[in-house]
Amino acid sequence: MNTQLNKALSLNNETEISFAQGVSFNFTDEEKKITVSRSLHSGKDNVLVGQKKVSSKYSCGFNSCQEFNHQGVDYEVELKVENVITRRMSCTLIKDGAHLKTLYFSWADNKKQSLEIMSVYFLFGMACGFGAAYVNGQFFAG
């Protein structure tokens, strides 16, 4: 692999993906940078305003909703997995009940980076399977 997997790859100015950090959606509201990220490993969602974490939540399902207040303004962030196979996700930012913007991510947005990340998962799964079979053979061999 010729890229570093822990370095974020910017798919556009608003969406990034990295093996270590997951998928990030970057919004701007009145010069405030709002970043919503979802870990590809744990399902943990984080919301940052600037560099300050304002909300964090583990999500076991396909949809997640977080509400937070920043400087007297109520925000809501909705993350939805629209297609499990392509990992198409949408992230919607709502301010005081009004829709501001929806951003999208999909593995198909950058096939090269997606193949690199899926290759790491495949190799890790293969190593775990081999290790389990080896241990099983050592303990249960006649």
C-alpha atoms as a PDB file:
ATOM      1  CA  MET A   1       0.000   0.000   0.000  1.00  0.00           C
ATOM      2  CA  ASN A   2       1.488   3.285  -1.054  1.00  0.00           C
ATOM      3  CA  THR A   3      -0.498   5.579   1.240  1.00  0.00           C
ATOM      4  CA  GLN A   4      -0.523   5.769   4.998  1.00  0.00           C
ATOM      5  CA  LEU A   5      -3.782   4.349   6.289  1.00  0.00           C
ATOM      6  CA  ASN A   6      -3.764   6.463   9.425  1.00  0.00           C
ATOM      7  CA  LYS A   7      -3.508   9.655   7.376  1.00  0.00           C
ATOM      8  CA  ALA A   8      -6.870  11.136   6.459  1.00  0.00           C
ATOM      9  CA  LEU A   9      -7.711  11.127   2.782  1.00  0.00           C
ATOM     10  CA  SER A  10      -9.799  14.094   1.775  1.00  0.00           C
ATOM     11  CA  LEU A  11     -12.478  12.939  -0.642  1.00  0.00           C
ATOM     12  CA  ASN A  12     -13.575  16.543  -1.061  1.00  0.00           C
ATOM     13  CA  ASN A  13     -13.467  19.628   1.158  1.00  0.00           C
ATOM     14  CA  GLU A  14     -16.259  18.252   3.303  1.00  0.00           C
ATOM     15  CA  THR A  15     -15.613  14.496   3.682  1.00  0.00           C
ATOM     16  CA  GLU A  16     -12.509  12.587   4.835  1.00  0.00           C
ATOM     17  CA  ILE A  17     -11.724   8.945   5.567  1.00  0.00           C
ATOM     18  CA  SER A  18      -8.852   7.290   7.388  1.00  0.00           C
ATOM     19  CA  PHE A  19      -8.264   3.799   8.725  1.00  0.00           C
ATOM     20  CA  ALA A  20      -7.524   5.070  12.234  1.00  0.00           C
ATOM     21  CA  GLN A  21     -10.094   7.865  12.537  1.00  0.00           C
ATOM     22  CA  GLY A  22     -12.970   6.654  10.368  1.00  0.00           C
ATOM     23  CA  VAL A  23     -15.258   8.888   8.331  1.00  0.00           C
ATOM     24  CA  SER A  24     -15.413  12.631   9.017  1.00  0.00           C
ATOM     25  CA  PHE A  25     -17.982  15.123   7.770  1.00  0.00           C
ATOM     26  CA  ASN A  26     -16.938  18.794   7.924  1.00  0.00           C
ATOM     27  CA  PHE A  27     -19.576  21.521   8.136  1.00  0.00           C
ATOM     28  CA  THR A  28     -19.190  25.279   8.460  1.00  0.00           C
ATOM     29  CA  ASP A  29     -21.829  27.405  10.156  1.00  0.00           C
ATOM     30  CA  GLU A  30     -21.175  31.117  10.625  1.00  0.00           C
ATOM     31  CA  GLU A  31     -17.406  30.551  10.589  1.00  0.00           C
ATOM     32  CA  LYS A  32     -17.686  27.682  13.103  1.00  0.00           C
ATOM     33  CA  LYS A  33     -16.170  24.423  11.916  1.00  0.00           C
ATOM     34  CA  ILE A  34     -18.369  21.504  12.973  1.00  0.00           C
ATOM     35  CA  THR A  35     -16.867  18.055  12.475  1.00  0.00           C
ATOM     36  CA  VAL A  36     -18.883  14.859  12.796  1.00  0.00           C
ATOM     37  CA  SER A  37     -16.884  11.635  12.781  1.00  0.00           C
ATOM     38  CA  ARG A  38     -17.794   7.952  12.988  1.00  0.00           C
ATOM     39  CA  SER A  39     -15.269   5.263  13.836  1.00  0.00           C
ATOM     40  CA  LEU A  40     -15.265   2.369  11.375  1.00  0.00           C
ATOM     41  CA  HIS A  41     -14.123   0.060  14.188  1.00  0.00           C
ATOM     42  CA  SER A  42     -16.257   0.881  17.226  1.00  0.00           C
ATOM     43  CA  GLY A  43     -19.267   2.771  15.877  1.00  0.00           C
ATOM     44  CA  LYS A  44     -18.482   5.744  18.119  1.00  0.00           C
ATOM     45  CA  ASP A  45     -19.742   9.085  16.841  1.00  0.00           C
ATOM     46  CA  ASN A  46     -18.036  12.334  17.885  1.00  0.00           C
ATOM     47  CA  VAL A  47     -19.100  15.916  17.272  1.00  0.00           C
ATOM     48  CA  LEU A  48     -16.522  18.687  17.509  1.00  0.00           C
ATOM     49  CA  VAL A  49     -17.003  22.432  17.243  1.00  0.00           C
ATOM     50  CA  GLY A  50     -13.602  23.798  16.368  1.00  0.00           C
ATOM     51  CA  GLN A  51     -11.285  21.521  18.351  1.00  0.00           C
ATOM     52  CA  LYS A  52     -13.674  21.058  21.300  1.00  0.00           C
ATOM     53  CA  LYS A  53     -15.673  17.836  21.640  1.00  0.00           C
ATOM     54  CA  VAL A  54     -19.308  18.746  22.364  1.00  0.00           C
ATOM     55  CA  SER A  55     -20.966  15.349  21.978  1.00  0.00           C
ATOM     56  CA  SER A  56     -20.003  11.684  21.842  1.00  0.00           C
ATOM     57  CA  LYS A  57     -22.121   8.567  21.472  1.00  0.00           C
ATOM     58  CA  TYR A  58     -21.756   4.874  20.616  1.00  0.00           C
ATOM     59  CA  SER A  59     -24.131   3.715  17.901  1.00  0.00           C
ATOM     60  CA  CYS A  60     -24.890   0.023  17.421  1.00  0.00           C
ATOM     61  CA  GLY A  61     -27.438   0.516  14.656  1.00  0.00           C
ATOM     62  CA  PHE A  62     -27.464   2.092  11.238  1.00  0.00           C
ATOM     63  CA  ASN A  63     -28.850   5.450  12.361  1.00  0.00           C
ATOM     64  CA  SER A  64     -27.632   7.856  14.984  1.00  0.00           C
ATOM     65  CA  CYS A  65     -28.894  11.191  16.232  1.00  0.00           C
ATOM     66  CA  GLN A  66     -27.103  13.587  18.570  1.00  0.00           C
ATOM     67  CA  GLU A  67     -28.306  16.881  19.952  1.00  0.00           C
ATOM     68  CA  PHE A  68     -26.064  19.548  21.433  1.00  0.00           C
ATOM     69  CA  ASN A  69     -26.117  23.226  22.293  1.00  0.00           C
ATOM     70  CA  HIS A  70     -23.279  25.574  21.395  1.00  0.00           C
ATOM     71  CA  GLN A  71     -23.358  29.259  22.393  1.00  0.00           C
ATOM     72  CA  GLY A  72     -27.132  29.180  22.870  1.00  0.00           C
ATOM     73  CA  VAL A  73     -27.848  27.548  19.514  1.00  0.00           C
ATOM     74  CA  ASP A  74     -29.451  24.096  19.384  1.00  0.00           C
ATOM     75  CA  TYR A  75     -27.933  21.721  16.866  1.00  0.00           C
ATOM     76  CA  GLU A  76     -28.837  18.205  15.819  1.00  0.00           C
ATOM     77  CA  VAL A  77     -26.699  15.786  13.827  1.00  0.00           C
ATOM     78  CA  GLU A  78     -28.209  12.776  12.067  1.00  0.00           C
ATOM     79  CA  LEU A  79     -25.960  10.001  10.729  1.00  0.00           C
ATOM     80  CA  LYS A  80     -27.564   7.340   8.552  1.00  0.00           C
ATOM     81  CA  VAL A  81     -26.108   4.297   6.825  1.00  0.00           C
ATOM     82  CA  GLU A  82     -28.128   4.218   3.617  1.00  0.00           C
ATOM     83  CA  ASN A  83     -26.466   1.202   1.987  1.00  0.00           C
ATOM     84  CA  VAL A  84     -24.558  -1.399   4.002  1.00  0.00           C
ATOM     85  CA  ILE A  85     -22.703  -2.913   1.031  1.00  0.00           C
ATOM     86  CA  THR A  86     -21.267   0.345  -0.345  1.00  0.00           C
ATOM     87  CA  ARG A  87     -21.184   1.953   3.122  1.00  0.00           C
ATOM     88  CA  ARG A  88     -23.091   4.923   1.753  1.00  0.00           C
ATOM     89  CA  MET A  89     -23.657   7.269   4.666  1.00  0.00           C
ATOM     90  CA  SER A  90     -25.376  10.596   5.009  1.00  0.00           C
ATOM     91  CA  CYS A  91     -24.785  13.195   7.692  1.00  0.00           C
ATOM     92  CA  THR A  92     -27.318  15.968   8.211  1.00  0.00           C
ATOM     93  CA  LEU A  93     -26.745  19.103  10.282  1.00  0.00           C
ATOM     94  CA  ILE A  94     -29.830  20.811  11.699  1.00  0.00           C
ATOM     95  CA  LYS A  95     -29.672  24.210  13.410  1.00  0.00           C
ATOM     96  CA  ASP A  96     -32.583  25.358  15.595  1.00  0.00           C
ATOM     97  CA  GLY A  97     -34.880  22.890  13.815  1.00  0.00           C
ATOM     98  CA  ALA A  98     -33.926  24.034  10.294  1.00  0.00           C
ATOM     99  CA  HIS A  99     -31.992  21.809   7.882  1.00  0.00           C
ATOM    100  CA  LEU A 100     -28.582  23.333   7.098  1.00  0.00           C
ATOM    101  CA  LYS A 101     -26.807  20.764   4.964  1.00  0.00           C
ATOM    102  CA  THR A 102     -26.489  17.044   4.201  1.00  0.00           C
ATOM    103  CA  LEU A 103     -23.150  15.476   3.261  1.00  0.00           C
ATOM    104  CA  TYR A 104     -22.594  11.999   1.814  1.00  0.00           C
ATOM    105  CA  PHE A 105     -19.866   9.359   1.945  1.00  0.00           C
ATOM    106  CA  SER A 106     -19.549   6.088   0.056  1.00  0.00           C
ATOM    107  CA  TRP A 107     -16.764   3.561  -0.497  1.00  0.00           C
ATOM    108  CA  ALA A 108     -17.360   4.182  -4.196  1.00  0.00           C
ATOM    109  CA  ASP A 109     -16.221   7.805  -3.782  1.00  0.00           C
ATOM    110  CA  ASN A 110     -12.581   6.702  -3.735  1.00  0.00           C
ATOM    111  CA  LYS A 111     -12.091   3.130  -4.875  1.00  0.00           C
ATOM    112  CA  LYS A 112      -8.313   3.050  -4.296  1.00  0.00           C
ATOM    113  CA  GLN A 113      -8.505   4.097  -0.628  1.00  0.00           C
ATOM    114  CA  SER A 114     -11.490   1.797  -0.098  1.00  0.00           C
ATOM    115  CA  LEU A 115      -9.586  -1.198  -1.482  1.00  0.00           C
ATOM    116  CA  GLU A 116      -6.612  -0.433   0.752  1.00  0.00           C
ATOM    117  CA  ILE A 117      -8.777  -0.261   3.878  1.00  0.00           C
ATOM    118  CA  MET A 118     -10.768  -3.379   2.960  1.00  0.00           C
ATOM    119  CA  SER A 119      -7.486  -5.213   2.220  1.00  0.00           C
ATOM    120  CA  VAL A 120      -6.279  -4.488   5.744  1.00  0.00           C
ATOM    121  CA  TYR A 121      -9.555  -5.817   7.193  1.00  0.00           C
ATOM    122  CA  PHE A 122      -9.304  -8.918   4.977  1.00  0.00           C
ATOM    123  CA  LEU A 123      -5.693  -9.630   5.980  1.00  0.00           C
ATOM    124  CA  PHE A 124      -6.521  -9.092   9.650  1.00  0.00           C
ATOM    125  CA  GLY A 125      -9.471 -11.502   9.384  1.00  0.00           C
ATOM    126  CA  MET A 126      -7.323 -14.037   7.571  1.00  0.00           C
ATOM    127  CA  ALA A 127      -4.632 -13.830  10.268  1.00  0.00           C
ATOM    128  CA  CYS A 128      -7.220 -14.222  13.038  1.00  0.00           C
ATOM    129  CA  GLY A 129      -8.779 -17.204  11.265  1.00  0.00           C
ATOM    130  CA  PHE A 130      -5.390 -18.850  10.769  1.00  0.00           C
ATOM    131  CA  GLY A 131      -4.467 -18.190  14.392  1.00  0.00           C
ATOM    132  CA  ALA A 132      -7.748 -19.651  15.656  1.00  0.00           C
ATOM    133  CA  ALA A 133      -7.368 -22.741  13.459  1.00  0.00           C
ATOM    134  CA  TYR A 134      -3.770 -23.212  14.622  1.00  0.00           C
ATOM    135  CA  VAL A 135      -4.682 -22.867  18.303  1.00  0.00           C
ATOM    136  CA  ASN A 136      -7.658 -25.170  17.808  1.00  0.00           C
ATOM    137  CA  GLY A 137      -5.405 -27.768  16.168  1.00  0.00           C
ATOM    138  CA  GLN A 138      -2.834 -27.525  18.970  1.00  0.00           C
ATOM    139  CA  PHE A 139      -5.324 -28.015  21.793  1.00  0.00           C
ATOM    140  CA  PHE A 140      -7.702 -30.476  20.219  1.00  0.00           C
ATOM    141  CA  ALA A 141      -5.364 -32.606  18.122  1.00  0.00           C
ATOM    142  CA  GLY A 142      -5.307 -36.235  19.166  1.00  0.00           C
END
